[in-house]
Amino acid sequence: MKMEFDEFLAAPECGVVIVTYPDIFRTEAGLRHGKFSKEYQELSAVIVLDSGDMAKIEVTDGDLVEIKSEAGVVVVRVKESEKEHPGIGYMPEGAWAYILGASPVTPPASTLALSAKVGRSRQEIPAIEDVYRR
């Protein structure tokens, strides 16, 4: 297996507080297409970051990032926020957020905040079936 030089360099990381939230579009995709669908995954496996935080970790809208918390590690797609909120990342409730330590909420819906590190990823987003097996 051939190793590239930059594989030995640590990717820049940024500390964030992740805030989870209920997302009606993700819920609708789950109802229409099922929780194992591509549509549901695309709306669930995301984090919304401030443009300044994205610049720190050298990613652009649509890139893959690895999020590490005390509870676990997961790869998701990053989306650039329309508003400034340095140090805060927003993730919809769901399997990918649960890996990081968020727990499923029961109605009424609420938010949860947890500390994590975010950096570029060379891995792919895991399929939801694999996320549930963790």
Protein backbone atom coordinates (compact mmCIF):
# COMPACT_ATOMS: atom_id res chain seq x y z
CA MET A 1 0.00 0.00 0.00
CA LYS A 2 1.49 3.31 -1.09
CA MET A 3 1.42 6.10 1.51
CA GLU A 4 1.28 9.75 0.50
CA PHE A 5 3.47 12.25 2.34
CA ASP A 6 0.54 14.33 3.59
CA GLU A 7 -0.97 11.27 5.30
CA PHE A 8 1.63 11.75 8.04
CA LEU A 9 0.58 15.34 8.67
CA ALA A 10 -2.18 15.97 11.15
CA ALA A 11 -5.22 17.66 9.64
CA PRO A 12 -6.17 20.91 11.36
CA GLU A 13 -8.96 20.60 13.91
CA CYS A 14 -11.37 23.07 15.40
CA GLY A 15 -13.16 22.77 18.73
CA VAL A 16 -16.91 23.28 18.54
CA VAL A 17 -19.99 22.92 20.67
CA ILE A 18 -22.45 20.84 18.70
CA VAL A 19 -26.08 21.74 19.10
CA THR A 20 -28.60 19.15 17.95
CA TYR A 21 -32.04 20.06 16.71
CA PRO A 22 -35.15 18.38 15.28
CA ASP A 23 -35.35 18.77 11.48
CA ILE A 24 -38.72 18.52 9.78
CA PHE A 25 -37.19 17.84 6.34
CA ARG A 26 -35.17 14.90 7.69
CA THR A 27 -38.28 13.58 9.43
CA GLU A 28 -40.29 13.92 6.21
CA ALA A 29 -37.59 12.08 4.21
CA GLY A 30 -37.69 9.27 6.77
CA LEU A 31 -41.46 8.99 6.48
CA ARG A 32 -41.52 9.14 2.67
CA HIS A 33 -38.43 7.13 1.78
CA GLY A 34 -37.55 5.27 4.99
CA LYS A 35 -34.76 5.76 7.49
CA PHE A 36 -32.38 3.62 5.44
CA SER A 37 -32.79 5.77 2.31
CA LYS A 38 -30.22 7.97 0.62
CA GLU A 39 -32.53 10.97 1.07
CA TYR A 40 -32.72 10.47 4.82
CA GLN A 41 -28.96 9.99 5.14
CA GLU A 42 -28.17 13.13 3.14
CA LEU A 43 -30.30 15.20 5.53
CA SER A 44 -29.05 13.45 8.70
CA ALA A 45 -25.29 13.08 8.22
CA VAL A 46 -24.49 16.80 8.17
CA ILE A 47 -23.06 19.53 10.33
CA VAL A 48 -23.57 23.23 9.72
CA LEU A 49 -20.46 25.26 10.56
CA ASP A 50 -19.49 28.91 10.58
CA SER A 51 -17.40 29.96 7.57
CA GLY A 52 -14.53 30.99 9.87
CA ASP A 53 -14.45 27.55 11.49
CA MET A 54 -14.52 25.95 8.05
CA ALA A 55 -11.52 28.06 7.01
CA LYS A 56 -9.61 26.93 10.14
CA ILE A 57 -9.96 23.28 9.16
CA GLU A 58 -9.50 23.99 5.44
CA VAL A 59 -12.83 22.65 4.18
CA THR A 60 -15.50 24.03 1.87
CA ASP A 61 -19.23 23.48 1.61
CA GLY A 62 -19.94 19.83 0.83
CA ASP A 63 -16.61 18.40 2.05
CA LEU A 64 -16.48 15.50 4.48
CA VAL A 65 -15.43 16.11 8.07
CA GLU A 66 -14.66 13.86 11.01
CA ILE A 67 -16.24 14.81 14.31
CA LYS A 68 -14.74 13.48 17.55
CA SER A 69 -16.34 13.66 20.97
CA GLU A 70 -15.71 11.78 24.18
CA ALA A 71 -18.43 9.32 23.16
CA GLY A 72 -17.38 8.56 19.60
CA VAL A 73 -16.25 9.53 16.11
CA VAL A 74 -18.34 10.00 12.98
CA VAL A 75 -17.91 11.31 9.43
CA VAL A 76 -20.51 13.71 8.00
CA ARG A 77 -20.81 16.32 5.26
CA VAL A 78 -20.21 19.96 6.20
CA LYS A 79 -22.54 22.75 5.15
CA GLU A 80 -21.61 26.41 5.40
CA SER A 81 -23.92 28.44 7.59
CA GLU A 82 -25.60 31.55 6.27
CA LYS A 83 -25.05 33.20 9.66
CA GLU A 84 -21.97 33.69 11.80
CA HIS A 85 -21.71 31.45 14.86
CA PRO A 86 -18.02 30.74 15.55
CA GLY A 87 -17.39 27.69 17.69
CA ILE A 88 -20.89 26.28 17.27
CA GLY A 89 -21.89 23.45 14.92
CA TYR A 90 -25.47 22.42 14.28
CA MET A 91 -26.47 18.81 13.61
CA PRO A 92 -29.93 17.34 13.16
CA GLU A 93 -30.99 14.78 15.73
CA GLY A 94 -30.36 11.27 14.49
CA ALA A 95 -28.00 8.34 14.32
CA TRP A 96 -24.88 10.34 13.46
CA ALA A 97 -25.42 12.78 16.35
CA TYR A 98 -26.16 9.87 18.70
CA ILE A 99 -22.70 8.42 18.06
CA LEU A 100 -21.24 11.65 19.44
CA GLY A 101 -23.18 11.35 22.68
CA ALA A 102 -26.47 13.00 21.87
CA SER A 103 -29.37 10.87 23.01
CA PRO A 104 -32.70 10.41 21.31
CA VAL A 105 -35.16 12.95 22.62
CA THR A 106 -38.80 12.40 23.24
CA PRO A 107 -41.52 14.98 22.59
CA PRO A 108 -41.47 17.81 23.18
CA ALA A 109 -38.34 18.07 21.05
CA SER A 110 -35.35 19.76 22.62
CA THR A 111 -31.79 20.61 21.76
CA LEU A 112 -28.63 19.16 23.22
CA ALA A 113 -25.15 20.64 23.24
CA LEU A 114 -21.89 18.67 23.42
CA SER A 115 -18.21 19.44 22.93
CA ALA A 116 -16.32 18.01 19.96
CA LYS A 117 -13.42 18.49 17.57
CA VAL A 118 -13.98 18.77 13.83
CA GLY A 119 -11.43 18.20 11.08
CA ARG A 120 -11.17 17.12 7.46
CA SER A 121 -11.86 13.49 6.71
CA ARG A 122 -10.47 11.06 4.16
CA GLN A 123 -13.13 8.51 5.02
CA GLU A 124 -16.65 8.26 3.65
CA ILE A 125 -19.90 8.80 5.53
CA PRO A 126 -20.91 5.45 7.02
CA ALA A 127 -24.19 3.95 5.83
CA ILE A 128 -26.96 4.24 8.38
CA GLU A 129 -26.99 0.46 8.76
CA ASP A 130 -23.37 0.64 9.94
CA VAL A 131 -24.13 3.56 12.24
CA TYR A 132 -26.89 1.57 13.95
CA ARG A 133 -24.53 -1.41 14.42
CA ARG A 134 -22.07 0.65 16.50
